[in-house]
Amino acid sequence: MQPTDGTTPSVSVVMCTYNGARYLDEQMDSVLAQDYPLLEVIVQDDGSSDDTIDILHRYARRDRRVHVFRNERRLGFNRNFHTAMLRARGDLIAIADQDDIWFPQKVRRQVEAIGTCDLCFSAYFRDATFSNHLSCKVCPAGRLEDLLFTNVIPGHTMLVRRSFVGHETAWNDDFYYDWWFLLMAHMGGGVARVDEALNWHRPHEASAIARLRQQRGGTRREAHASWHPYVFGWLDLARLRHEKRWQQFYRSLLTIIPAEKQPVAHALCAALLGRGGGTLRLCCLCLRHRRLVYPSKGEPDWKNRLRAFCYPAIYAYGNTTFRK
């Protein structure tokens, strides 16, 4: 079914694949079962050596909305998504990973919520075995100040405007595309959120993000004790400040984020670079603006204040995001 109402936004689904045969049928079935009419489902493969392409062609033969492309050379997931999204013709683009499961209302609820914003994200379930329990629900705040430190909002939760994706500033291939999307959308038309979990994200060792973290020196390490990040995180923070990619990331943001409109975010970027007081100023900013940076988890106020002050160390502990 295709949209017939001229006021109804058309939606393209863009999925990127690489050796995803194991879970691909479940994801494709859930995408094609959406209760909102889809203009097209674009799937771009990055040189799979398993049965991924055969599975995709089978779906393309069944459903004329499915269009399959294959890269002549490996691009990596960032460039793969970049070039795949530029193929989309819809007003809005729903981003899909190869190994998740969408709930039938996902696209519809996000189309209803996006309004005039450039990007809409939703809560999601994250568990190795889907249980539909609130214990595995992830519902990020998505505030700009929080996103300066880390991102737990994956691309598979996002609906974005094609006009936004077409802007050169929306892309920075040196960093995770979904993290950069969120930051740039905050600088543009804004970000909308749906608190309802609209898909199930399946974490596993063969996922694209897991492979990338392994290439960068292993996954983010778990603390051997709850106090370790408060002690050893400061050493990691000092190391991160010498990483070239760290410097590139925050210098770029410092030039993009306007001090007059986003004073807290601008000041945080400067402090993350070690300017204007360095680590102490950064910790004081996190404490003063803890409701933006590190919201309360319902624990005693003294504990929330301590965590907010030490958040730069907690964030830096075992962080491999900025390694090549």
C-alpha atoms as a PDB file:
ATOM      1  CA  MET A   1       0.000   0.000   0.000  1.00  0.00           C
ATOM      2  CA  GLN A   2       1.280   3.464  -0.885  1.00  0.00           C
ATOM      3  CA  PRO A   3       0.368   6.809   0.712  1.00  0.00           C
ATOM      4  CA  THR A   4      -2.449   8.496  -1.201  1.00  0.00           C
ATOM      5  CA  ASP A   5      -3.067  11.565   0.941  1.00  0.00           C
ATOM      6  CA  GLY A   6      -0.874  14.473  -0.198  1.00  0.00           C
ATOM      7  CA  THR A   7      -0.443  15.563   3.429  1.00  0.00           C
ATOM      8  CA  THR A   8       0.795  12.146   4.554  1.00  0.00           C
ATOM      9  CA  PRO A   9       4.605  12.011   4.703  1.00  0.00           C
ATOM     10  CA  SER A  10       6.110   9.242   2.618  1.00  0.00           C
ATOM     11  CA  VAL A  11       8.550   6.984   4.435  1.00  0.00           C
ATOM     12  CA  SER A  12      11.597   5.131   3.128  1.00  0.00           C
ATOM     13  CA  VAL A  13      13.155   2.424   5.256  1.00  0.00           C
ATOM     14  CA  VAL A  14      16.938   2.182   4.885  1.00  0.00           C
ATOM     15  CA  MET A  15      18.720  -0.938   6.133  1.00  0.00           C
ATOM     16  CA  CYS A  16      22.401  -1.795   5.865  1.00  0.00           C
ATOM     17  CA  THR A  17      23.594  -5.402   6.004  1.00  0.00           C
ATOM     18  CA  TYR A  18      26.802  -7.350   6.420  1.00  0.00           C
ATOM     19  CA  ASN A  19      26.779 -11.102   7.078  1.00  0.00           C
ATOM     20  CA  GLY A  20      23.394 -10.784   8.743  1.00  0.00           C
ATOM     21  CA  ALA A  21      21.698 -13.949   7.511  1.00  0.00           C
ATOM     22  CA  ARG A  22      21.121 -15.358  10.996  1.00  0.00           C
ATOM     23  CA  TYR A  23      18.485 -12.798  12.056  1.00  0.00           C
ATOM     24  CA  LEU A  24      17.592 -11.114   8.768  1.00  0.00           C
ATOM     25  CA  ASP A  25      14.289 -12.894   8.086  1.00  0.00           C
ATOM     26  CA  GLU A  26      12.824 -11.792  11.414  1.00  0.00           C
ATOM     27  CA  GLN A  27      13.816  -8.176  10.839  1.00  0.00           C
ATOM     28  CA  MET A  28      12.601  -8.013   7.241  1.00  0.00           C
ATOM     29  CA  ASP A  29       9.257  -9.555   8.241  1.00  0.00           C
ATOM     30  CA  SER A  30       8.816  -6.980  11.009  1.00  0.00           C
ATOM     31  CA  VAL A  31       9.681  -4.058   8.705  1.00  0.00           C
ATOM     32  CA  LEU A  32       7.273  -5.158   5.991  1.00  0.00           C
ATOM     33  CA  ALA A  33       4.515  -5.685   8.601  1.00  0.00           C
ATOM     34  CA  GLN A  34       4.385  -2.004   9.585  1.00  0.00           C
ATOM     35  CA  ASP A  35       0.876  -0.558   9.922  1.00  0.00           C
ATOM     36  CA  TYR A  36       2.039   2.661   8.201  1.00  0.00           C
ATOM     37  CA  PRO A  37       2.397   2.522   4.401  1.00  0.00           C
ATOM     38  CA  LEU A  38       6.024   2.391   3.283  1.00  0.00           C
ATOM     39  CA  LEU A  39       7.186   3.949   0.051  1.00  0.00           C
ATOM     40  CA  GLU A  40      10.241   1.694  -0.235  1.00  0.00           C
ATOM     41  CA  VAL A  41      12.651  -0.490   1.694  1.00  0.00           C
ATOM     42  CA  ILE A  42      16.224   0.138   0.588  1.00  0.00           C
ATOM     43  CA  VAL A  43      18.756  -2.490   1.673  1.00  0.00           C
ATOM     44  CA  GLN A  44      22.423  -1.944   0.928  1.00  0.00           C
ATOM     45  CA  ASP A  45      24.841  -4.802   1.558  1.00  0.00           C
ATOM     46  CA  ASP A  46      28.489  -4.223   2.364  1.00  0.00           C
ATOM     47  CA  GLY A  47      29.969  -7.351   0.812  1.00  0.00           C
ATOM     48  CA  SER A  48      28.439 -10.198   2.810  1.00  0.00           C
ATOM     49  CA  SER A  49      29.934 -13.666   2.402  1.00  0.00           C
ATOM     50  CA  ASP A  50      27.017 -15.580   3.933  1.00  0.00           C
ATOM     51  CA  ASP A  51      23.433 -16.004   2.619  1.00  0.00           C
ATOM     52  CA  THR A  52      22.428 -12.373   3.235  1.00  0.00           C
ATOM     53  CA  ILE A  53      22.149 -11.416  -0.446  1.00  0.00           C
ATOM     54  CA  ASP A  54      20.111 -14.514  -1.330  1.00  0.00           C
ATOM     55  CA  ILE A  55      17.676 -13.742   1.494  1.00  0.00           C
ATOM     56  CA  LEU A  56      17.331 -10.121   0.377  1.00  0.00           C
ATOM     57  CA  HIS A  57      16.689 -11.057  -3.244  1.00  0.00           C
ATOM     58  CA  ARG A  58      14.016 -13.479  -2.071  1.00  0.00           C
ATOM     59  CA  TYR A  59      12.232 -10.608  -0.306  1.00  0.00           C
ATOM     60  CA  ALA A  60      12.680  -8.331  -3.332  1.00  0.00           C
ATOM     61  CA  ARG A  61      10.957 -10.902  -5.536  1.00  0.00           C
ATOM     62  CA  ARG A  62       8.042 -11.091  -3.093  1.00  0.00           C
ATOM     63  CA  ASP A  63       7.578  -7.376  -2.437  1.00  0.00           C
ATOM     64  CA  ARG A  64       8.194  -4.654  -5.014  1.00  0.00           C
ATOM     65  CA  ARG A  65       8.936  -2.115  -2.250  1.00  0.00           C
ATOM     66  CA  VAL A  66      12.210  -3.900  -1.479  1.00  0.00           C
ATOM     67  CA  HIS A  67      15.241  -2.654  -3.425  1.00  0.00           C
ATOM     68  CA  VAL A  68      18.596  -4.384  -2.923  1.00  0.00           C
ATOM     69  CA  PHE A  69      22.005  -2.842  -3.602  1.00  0.00           C
ATOM     70  CA  ARG A  70      25.480  -4.253  -3.058  1.00  0.00           C
ATOM     71  CA  ASN A  71      28.667  -2.252  -2.598  1.00  0.00           C
ATOM     72  CA  GLU A  72      31.545  -3.027  -4.939  1.00  0.00           C
ATOM     73  CA  ARG A  73      33.949  -2.625  -2.009  1.00  0.00           C
ATOM     74  CA  ARG A  74      33.595  -2.605   1.765  1.00  0.00           C
ATOM     75  CA  LEU A  75      32.614   0.805   3.111  1.00  0.00           C
ATOM     76  CA  GLY A  76      32.118   0.104   6.812  1.00  0.00           C
ATOM     77  CA  PHE A  77      28.809   0.726   8.521  1.00  0.00           C
ATOM     78  CA  ASN A  78      29.113   4.544   8.700  1.00  0.00           C
ATOM     79  CA  ARG A  79      29.788   5.048   4.987  1.00  0.00           C
ATOM     80  CA  ASN A  80      27.374   2.286   4.103  1.00  0.00           C
ATOM     81  CA  PHE A  81      24.511   4.064   5.873  1.00  0.00           C
ATOM     82  CA  HIS A  82      25.588   7.420   4.425  1.00  0.00           C
ATOM     83  CA  THR A  83      25.454   6.280   0.805  1.00  0.00           C
ATOM     84  CA  ALA A  84      22.348   4.130   1.361  1.00  0.00           C
ATOM     85  CA  MET A  85      20.327   7.013   2.824  1.00  0.00           C
ATOM     86  CA  LEU A  86      21.144   9.181  -0.164  1.00  0.00           C
ATOM     87  CA  ARG A  87      19.198   6.681  -2.293  1.00  0.00           C
ATOM     88  CA  ALA A  88      15.954   7.293  -0.361  1.00  0.00           C
ATOM     89  CA  ARG A  89      13.032   9.111  -2.026  1.00  0.00           C
ATOM     90  CA  GLY A  90      10.663   9.424   0.935  1.00  0.00           C
ATOM     91  CA  ASP A  91      10.009  12.569   2.946  1.00  0.00           C
ATOM     92  CA  LEU A  92      11.175  10.683   6.038  1.00  0.00           C
ATOM     93  CA  ILE A  93      13.742   7.916   6.483  1.00  0.00           C
ATOM     94  CA  ALA A  94      13.344   5.142   9.052  1.00  0.00           C
ATOM     95  CA  ILE A  95      16.723   3.569   9.847  1.00  0.00           C
ATOM     96  CA  ALA A  96      16.925  -0.202  10.320  1.00  0.00           C
ATOM     97  CA  ASP A  97      19.616  -2.563  11.506  1.00  0.00           C
ATOM     98  CA  GLN A  98      19.730  -6.118  10.192  1.00  0.00           C
ATOM     99  CA  ASP A  99      19.248  -7.976  13.477  1.00  0.00           C
ATOM    100  CA  ASP A 100      16.447  -6.255  15.409  1.00  0.00           C
ATOM    101  CA  ILE A 101      12.668  -6.642  15.439  1.00  0.00           C
ATOM    102  CA  TRP A 102      10.287  -3.725  14.859  1.00  0.00           C
ATOM    103  CA  PHE A 103       6.862  -3.561  16.429  1.00  0.00           C
ATOM    104  CA  PRO A 104       4.041  -2.964  13.895  1.00  0.00           C
ATOM    105  CA  GLN A 105       3.335   0.591  15.099  1.00  0.00           C
ATOM    106  CA  LYS A 106       6.960   1.806  15.023  1.00  0.00           C
ATOM    107  CA  VAL A 107       6.897   3.945  11.889  1.00  0.00           C
ATOM    108  CA  ARG A 108       3.373   5.261  12.493  1.00  0.00           C
ATOM    109  CA  ARG A 109       4.077   6.396  16.050  1.00  0.00           C
ATOM    110  CA  GLN A 110       7.258   8.184  14.989  1.00  0.00           C
ATOM    111  CA  VAL A 111       5.586   9.897  12.028  1.00  0.00           C
ATOM    112  CA  GLU A 112       2.916  11.138  14.437  1.00  0.00           C
ATOM    113  CA  ALA A 113       5.538  12.419  16.886  1.00  0.00           C
ATOM    114  CA  ILE A 114       8.186  14.034  14.684  1.00  0.00           C
ATOM    115  CA  GLY A 115       6.259  17.259  14.063  1.00  0.00           C
ATOM    116  CA  THR A 116       8.619  19.878  12.618  1.00  0.00           C
ATOM    117  CA  CYS A 117      11.743  18.287  14.116  1.00  0.00           C
ATOM    118  CA  ASP A 118      14.593  16.897  12.040  1.00  0.00           C
ATOM    119  CA  LEU A 119      14.776  13.663  14.010  1.00  0.00           C
ATOM    120  CA  CYS A 120      12.555  11.497  16.185  1.00  0.00           C
ATOM    121  CA  PHE A 121      13.827   8.634  18.334  1.00  0.00           C
ATOM    122  CA  SER A 122      12.012   6.155  20.515  1.00  0.00           C
ATOM    123  CA  ALA A 123      12.614   4.028  23.562  1.00  0.00           C
ATOM    124  CA  TYR A 124      13.527   0.423  22.827  1.00  0.00           C
ATOM    125  CA  PHE A 125      13.926  -2.967  24.461  1.00  0.00           C
ATOM    126  CA  ARG A 126      17.492  -4.218  24.730  1.00  0.00           C
ATOM    127  CA  ASP A 127      18.050  -7.791  25.778  1.00  0.00           C
ATOM    128  CA  ALA A 128      19.722 -10.870  24.327  1.00  0.00           C
ATOM    129  CA  THR A 129      16.419 -12.745  24.665  1.00  0.00           C
ATOM    130  CA  PHE A 130      13.294 -10.711  24.053  1.00  0.00           C
ATOM    131  CA  SER A 131      10.946 -10.736  27.028  1.00  0.00           C
ATOM    132  CA  ASN A 132       8.919  -7.525  26.573  1.00  0.00           C
ATOM    133  CA  HIS A 133       9.562  -6.691  30.219  1.00  0.00           C
ATOM    134  CA  LEU A 134      10.164  -3.137  31.429  1.00  0.00           C
ATOM    135  CA  SER A 135      13.418  -4.326  33.001  1.00  0.00           C
ATOM    136  CA  CYS A 136      15.080  -4.270  29.579  1.00  0.00           C
ATOM    137  CA  LYS A 137      13.502  -1.010  28.385  1.00  0.00           C
ATOM    138  CA  VAL A 138      15.920   1.786  27.466  1.00  0.00           C
ATOM    139  CA  CYS A 139      14.392   5.274  27.413  1.00  0.00           C
ATOM    140  CA  PRO A 140      17.134   7.909  26.976  1.00  0.00           C
ATOM    141  CA  ALA A 141      16.543  11.595  27.617  1.00  0.00           C
ATOM    142  CA  GLY A 142      18.293  12.716  24.435  1.00  0.00           C
ATOM    143  CA  ARG A 143      19.254  16.169  25.731  1.00  0.00           C
ATOM    144  CA  LEU A 144      22.114  17.978  24.017  1.00  0.00           C
ATOM    145  CA  GLU A 145      24.161  18.294  27.209  1.00  0.00           C
ATOM    146  CA  ASP A 146      23.898  14.572  27.940  1.00  0.00           C
ATOM    147  CA  LEU A 147      24.796  13.684  24.344  1.00  0.00           C
ATOM    148  CA  LEU A 148      28.087  15.564  24.600  1.00  0.00           C
ATOM    149  CA  PHE A 149      29.428  12.714  26.716  1.00  0.00           C
ATOM    150  CA  THR A 150      27.943   9.570  25.252  1.00  0.00           C
ATOM    151  CA  ASN A 151      25.086   8.216  23.173  1.00  0.00           C
ATOM    152  CA  VAL A 152      22.756   5.327  23.978  1.00  0.00           C
ATOM    153  CA  ILE A 153      20.285   6.223  21.207  1.00  0.00           C
ATOM    154  CA  PRO A 154      21.064   3.897  18.283  1.00  0.00           C
ATOM    155  CA  GLY A 155      20.187   4.605  14.672  1.00  0.00           C
ATOM    156  CA  HIS A 156      17.584   1.839  14.640  1.00  0.00           C
ATOM    157  CA  THR A 157      15.386   3.956  16.933  1.00  0.00           C
ATOM    158  CA  MET A 158      15.424   6.949  14.575  1.00  0.00           C
ATOM    159  CA  LEU A 159      13.172   8.534  11.988  1.00  0.00           C
ATOM    160  CA  VAL A 160      14.875  11.442  10.180  1.00  0.00           C
ATOM    161  CA  ARG A 161      13.925  13.949   7.523  1.00  0.00           C
ATOM    162  CA  ARG A 162      15.423  13.324   4.099  1.00  0.00           C
ATOM    163  CA  SER A 163      16.105  17.074   3.832  1.00  0.00           C
ATOM    164  CA  PHE A 164      18.181  16.839   7.026  1.00  0.00           C
ATOM    165  CA  VAL A 165      20.134  13.821   5.765  1.00  0.00           C
ATOM    166  CA  GLY A 166      20.909  15.745   2.578  1.00  0.00           C
ATOM    167  CA  HIS A 167      22.777  18.478   4.477  1.00  0.00           C
ATOM    168  CA  GLU A 168      26.546  18.123   4.460  1.00  0.00           C
ATOM    169  CA  THR A 169      26.727  19.093   8.146  1.00  0.00           C
ATOM    170  CA  ALA A 170      24.560  16.085   9.090  1.00  0.00           C
ATOM    171  CA  TRP A 171      27.462  13.753   8.341  1.00  0.00           C
ATOM    172  CA  ASN A 172      30.848  13.266   9.912  1.00  0.00           C
ATOM    173  CA  ASP A 173      32.235   9.910   8.826  1.00  0.00           C
ATOM    174  CA  ASP A 174      34.885   9.956  11.554  1.00  0.00           C
ATOM    175  CA  PHE A 175      32.244   9.358  14.240  1.00  0.00           C
ATOM    176  CA  TYR A 176      29.186   7.160  14.733  1.00  0.00           C
ATOM    177  CA  TYR A 177      26.566   8.525  12.345  1.00  0.00           C
ATOM    178  CA  ASP A 178      23.681   8.181  14.833  1.00  0.00           C
ATOM    179  CA  TRP A 179      25.506  10.154  17.550  1.00  0.00           C
ATOM    180  CA  TRP A 180      26.376  12.903  15.081  1.00  0.00           C
ATOM    181  CA  PHE A 181      22.788  12.973  13.742  1.00  0.00           C
ATOM    182  CA  LEU A 182      21.450  13.686  17.225  1.00  0.00           C
ATOM    183  CA  LEU A 183      23.923  16.481  17.879  1.00  0.00           C
ATOM    184  CA  MET A 184      23.301  18.135  14.521  1.00  0.00           C
ATOM    185  CA  ALA A 185      19.517  17.771  14.799  1.00  0.00           C
ATOM    186  CA  HIS A 186      19.692  19.668  18.098  1.00  0.00           C
ATOM    187  CA  MET A 187      21.487  22.436  16.220  1.00  0.00           C
ATOM    188  CA  GLY A 188      18.826  22.442  13.478  1.00  0.00           C
ATOM    189  CA  GLY A 189      15.160  21.574  13.560  1.00  0.00           C
ATOM    190  CA  GLY A 190      15.240  19.777  16.887  1.00  0.00           C
ATOM    191  CA  VAL A 191      14.753  16.283  18.297  1.00  0.00           C
ATOM    192  CA  ALA A 192      11.479  14.574  19.243  1.00  0.00           C
ATOM    193  CA  ARG A 193      11.132  11.570  21.545  1.00  0.00           C
ATOM    194  CA  VAL A 194       8.633   8.720  21.855  1.00  0.00           C
ATOM    195  CA  ASP A 195       8.746   7.141  25.309  1.00  0.00           C
ATOM    196  CA  GLU A 196       7.048   3.967  24.078  1.00  0.00           C
ATOM    197  CA  ALA A 197       9.455   1.134  23.197  1.00  0.00           C
ATOM    198  CA  LEU A 198       8.957   0.560  19.465  1.00  0.00           C
ATOM    199  CA  ASN A 199      11.525  -2.105  18.674  1.00  0.00           C
ATOM    200  CA  TRP A 200      13.662  -4.813  20.197  1.00  0.00           C
ATOM    201  CA  HIS A 201      17.404  -4.408  19.869  1.00  0.00           C
ATOM    202  CA  ARG A 202      19.305  -7.686  19.987  1.00  0.00           C
ATOM    203  CA  PRO A 203      22.874  -7.229  21.293  1.00  0.00           C
ATOM    204  CA  HIS A 204      25.317  -9.912  20.169  1.00  0.00           C
ATOM    205  CA  GLU A 205      29.034 -10.314  19.523  1.00  0.00           C
ATOM    206  CA  ALA A 206      28.692 -10.303  15.717  1.00  0.00           C
ATOM    207  CA  SER A 207      26.845  -6.962  15.537  1.00  0.00           C
ATOM    208  CA  ALA A 208      28.435  -4.063  13.652  1.00  0.00           C
ATOM    209  CA  ILE A 209      29.018  -1.993  16.789  1.00  0.00           C
ATOM    210  CA  ALA A 210      30.527  -4.964  18.661  1.00  0.00           C
ATOM    211  CA  ARG A 211      32.941  -5.648  15.801  1.00  0.00           C
ATOM    212  CA  LEU A 212      33.974  -2.004  15.643  1.00  0.00           C
ATOM    213  CA  ARG A 213      34.655  -1.855  19.383  1.00  0.00           C
ATOM    214  CA  GLN A 214      36.743  -5.009  19.128  1.00  0.00           C
ATOM    215  CA  GLN A 215      38.797  -3.403  16.356  1.00  0.00           C
ATOM    216  CA  ARG A 216      39.383  -0.392  18.615  1.00  0.00           C
ATOM    217  CA  GLY A 217      40.886  -2.425  21.399  1.00  0.00           C
ATOM    218  CA  GLY A 218      38.049  -4.354  22.973  1.00  0.00           C
ATOM    219  CA  THR A 219      34.702  -3.514  24.459  1.00  0.00           C
ATOM    220  CA  ARG A 220      34.198  -0.949  27.181  1.00  0.00           C
ATOM    221  CA  ARG A 221      35.405  -2.744  30.291  1.00  0.00           C
ATOM    222  CA  GLU A 222      33.151  -3.410  33.210  1.00  0.00           C
ATOM    223  CA  ALA A 223      34.233  -2.070  36.589  1.00  0.00           C
ATOM    224  CA  HIS A 224      35.790  -4.676  38.842  1.00  0.00           C
ATOM    225  CA  ALA A 225      34.182  -2.787  41.709  1.00  0.00           C
ATOM    226  CA  SER A 226      31.636   0.033  41.802  1.00  0.00           C
ATOM    227  CA  TRP A 227      34.268   2.514  42.970  1.00  0.00           C
ATOM    228  CA  HIS A 228      36.790   1.813  40.194  1.00  0.00           C
ATOM    229  CA  PRO A 229      35.459   4.453  37.729  1.00  0.00           C
ATOM    230  CA  TYR A 230      35.685   7.080  40.489  1.00  0.00           C
ATOM    231  CA  VAL A 231      39.393   6.317  40.937  1.00  0.00           C
ATOM    232  CA  PHE A 232      40.765   5.027  37.634  1.00  0.00           C
ATOM    233  CA  GLY A 233      38.454   7.064  35.379  1.00  0.00           C
ATOM    234  CA  TRP A 234      40.574  10.176  35.885  1.00  0.00           C
ATOM    235  CA  LEU A 235      43.544   8.429  34.250  1.00  0.00           C
ATOM    236  CA  ASP A 236      41.350   7.440  31.320  1.00  0.00           C
ATOM    237  CA  LEU A 237      40.110  11.024  31.028  1.00  0.00           C
ATOM    238  CA  ALA A 238      43.687  12.296  30.807  1.00  0.00           C
ATOM    239  CA  ARG A 239      44.424   9.672  28.139  1.00  0.00           C
ATOM    240  CA  LEU A 240      41.321  10.562  26.129  1.00  0.00           C
ATOM    241  CA  ARG A 241      42.288  14.233  26.011  1.00  0.00           C
ATOM    242  CA  HIS A 242      45.373  13.237  24.055  1.00  0.00           C
ATOM    243  CA  GLU A 243      43.412  11.219  21.506  1.00  0.00           C
ATOM    244  CA  LYS A 244      43.342  12.965  18.120  1.00  0.00           C
ATOM    245  CA  ARG A 245      39.732  11.951  17.485  1.00  0.00           C
ATOM    246  CA  TRP A 246      38.670  13.345  20.879  1.00  0.00           C
ATOM    247  CA  GLN A 247      40.226  16.691  20.001  1.00  0.00           C
ATOM    248  CA  GLN A 248      38.595  16.680  16.551  1.00  0.00           C
ATOM    249  CA  PHE A 249      35.185  15.790  17.987  1.00  0.00           C
ATOM    250  CA  TYR A 250      34.982  18.496  20.645  1.00  0.00           C
ATOM    251  CA  ARG A 251      36.715  21.171  18.580  1.00  0.00           C
ATOM    252  CA  SER A 252      34.123  20.623  15.861  1.00  0.00           C
ATOM    253  CA  LEU A 253      31.275  20.867  18.358  1.00  0.00           C
ATOM    254  CA  LEU A 254      32.753  23.966  19.957  1.00  0.00           C
ATOM    255  CA  THR A 255      32.589  25.783  16.616  1.00  0.00           C
ATOM    256  CA  ILE A 256      29.071  24.507  15.856  1.00  0.00           C
ATOM    257  CA  ILE A 257      27.316  24.983  19.209  1.00  0.00           C
ATOM    258  CA  PRO A 258      26.493  28.704  19.687  1.00  0.00           C
ATOM    259  CA  ALA A 259      27.543  30.063  23.082  1.00  0.00           C
ATOM    260  CA  GLU A 260      24.662  32.549  23.163  1.00  0.00           C
ATOM    261  CA  LYS A 261      21.921  29.955  22.507  1.00  0.00           C
ATOM    262  CA  GLN A 262      23.452  26.871  24.166  1.00  0.00           C
ATOM    263  CA  PRO A 263      25.721  28.297  26.901  1.00  0.00           C
ATOM    264  CA  VAL A 264      25.882  25.127  29.026  1.00  0.00           C
ATOM    265  CA  ALA A 265      26.701  22.852  26.090  1.00  0.00           C
ATOM    266  CA  HIS A 266      29.280  25.304  24.775  1.00  0.00           C
ATOM    267  CA  ALA A 267      30.953  25.591  28.188  1.00  0.00           C
ATOM    268  CA  LEU A 268      31.000  21.793  28.567  1.00  0.00           C
ATOM    269  CA  CYS A 269      32.739  21.380  25.196  1.00  0.00           C
ATOM    270  CA  ALA A 270      35.384  23.914  26.174  1.00  0.00           C
ATOM    271  CA  ALA A 271      35.949  22.179  29.520  1.00  0.00           C
ATOM    272  CA  LEU A 272      36.129  18.756  27.865  1.00  0.00           C
ATOM    273  CA  LEU A 273      38.974  20.154  25.751  1.00  0.00           C
ATOM    274  CA  GLY A 274      40.694  21.294  28.949  1.00  0.00           C
ATOM    275  CA  ARG A 275      40.068  24.997  28.444  1.00  0.00           C
ATOM    276  CA  GLY A 276      39.081  27.574  31.056  1.00  0.00           C
ATOM    277  CA  GLY A 277      39.830  25.621  34.217  1.00  0.00           C
ATOM    278  CA  GLY A 278      40.198  22.108  32.867  1.00  0.00           C
ATOM    279  CA  THR A 279      38.993  19.072  34.783  1.00  0.00           C
ATOM    280  CA  LEU A 280      37.857  20.907  37.921  1.00  0.00           C
ATOM    281  CA  ARG A 281      35.698  23.278  35.894  1.00  0.00           C
ATOM    282  CA  LEU A 282      34.284  20.333  33.937  1.00  0.00           C
ATOM    283  CA  CYS A 283      33.312  18.545  37.162  1.00  0.00           C
ATOM    284  CA  CYS A 284      31.764  21.712  38.607  1.00  0.00           C
ATOM    285  CA  LEU A 285      29.732  22.231  35.426  1.00  0.00           C
ATOM    286  CA  CYS A 286      28.459  18.646  35.601  1.00  0.00           C
ATOM    287  CA  LEU A 287      27.484  19.149  39.238  1.00  0.00           C
ATOM    288  CA  ARG A 288      25.775  22.495  38.664  1.00  0.00           C
ATOM    289  CA  HIS A 289      23.861  21.263  35.603  1.00  0.00           C
ATOM    290  CA  ARG A 290      23.384  17.671  36.750  1.00  0.00           C
ATOM    291  CA  ARG A 291      19.698  17.640  35.769  1.00  0.00           C
ATOM    292  CA  LEU A 292      20.799  18.124  32.156  1.00  0.00           C
ATOM    293  CA  VAL A 293      23.970  16.052  32.156  1.00  0.00           C
ATOM    294  CA  TYR A 294      23.380  13.263  34.665  1.00  0.00           C
ATOM    295  CA  PRO A 295      19.752  13.125  35.817  1.00  0.00           C
ATOM    296  CA  SER A 296      18.809  11.647  39.185  1.00  0.00           C
ATOM    297  CA  LYS A 297      18.118   7.938  39.420  1.00  0.00           C
ATOM    298  CA  GLY A 298      15.894   8.360  42.476  1.00  0.00           C
ATOM    299  CA  GLU A 299      18.771   7.863  44.915  1.00  0.00           C
ATOM    300  CA  PRO A 300      19.798  10.122  47.839  1.00  0.00           C
ATOM    301  CA  ASP A 301      20.748  13.637  46.825  1.00  0.00           C
ATOM    302  CA  TRP A 302      24.317  13.321  48.137  1.00  0.00           C
ATOM    303  CA  LYS A 303      24.904  10.298  45.938  1.00  0.00           C
ATOM    304  CA  ASN A 304      23.489  12.019  42.855  1.00  0.00           C
ATOM    305  CA  ARG A 305      25.706  15.036  43.517  1.00  0.00           C
ATOM    306  CA  LEU A 306      28.788  12.863  43.898  1.00  0.00           C
ATOM    307  CA  ARG A 307      28.065  10.985  40.706  1.00  0.00           C
ATOM    308  CA  ALA A 308      27.422  14.195  38.802  1.00  0.00           C
ATOM    309  CA  PHE A 309      30.714  15.725  39.981  1.00  0.00           C
ATOM    310  CA  CYS A 310      32.607  12.546  39.029  1.00  0.00           C
ATOM    311  CA  TYR A 311      30.686  11.973  35.796  1.00  0.00           C
ATOM    312  CA  PRO A 312      33.655  12.910  33.544  1.00  0.00           C
ATOM    313  CA  ALA A 313      35.660  10.080  35.131  1.00  0.00           C
ATOM    314  CA  ILE A 314      32.727   7.663  34.986  1.00  0.00           C
ATOM    315  CA  TYR A 315      32.232   8.510  31.313  1.00  0.00           C
ATOM    316  CA  ALA A 316      35.954   8.146  30.518  1.00  0.00           C
ATOM    317  CA  TYR A 317      36.458   4.841  32.354  1.00  0.00           C
ATOM    318  CA  GLY A 318      37.392   2.205  29.747  1.00  0.00           C
ATOM    319  CA  ASN A 319      36.134   4.423  26.901  1.00  0.00           C
ATOM    320  CA  THR A 320      37.438   3.242  23.495  1.00  0.00           C
ATOM    321  CA  THR A 321      35.063   5.353  21.345  1.00  0.00           C
ATOM    322  CA  PHE A 322      37.772   7.718  20.141  1.00  0.00           C
ATOM    323  CA  ARG A 323      40.365   5.160  19.149  1.00  0.00           C
ATOM    324  CA  LYS A 324      41.084   4.628  15.474  1.00  0.00           C
END
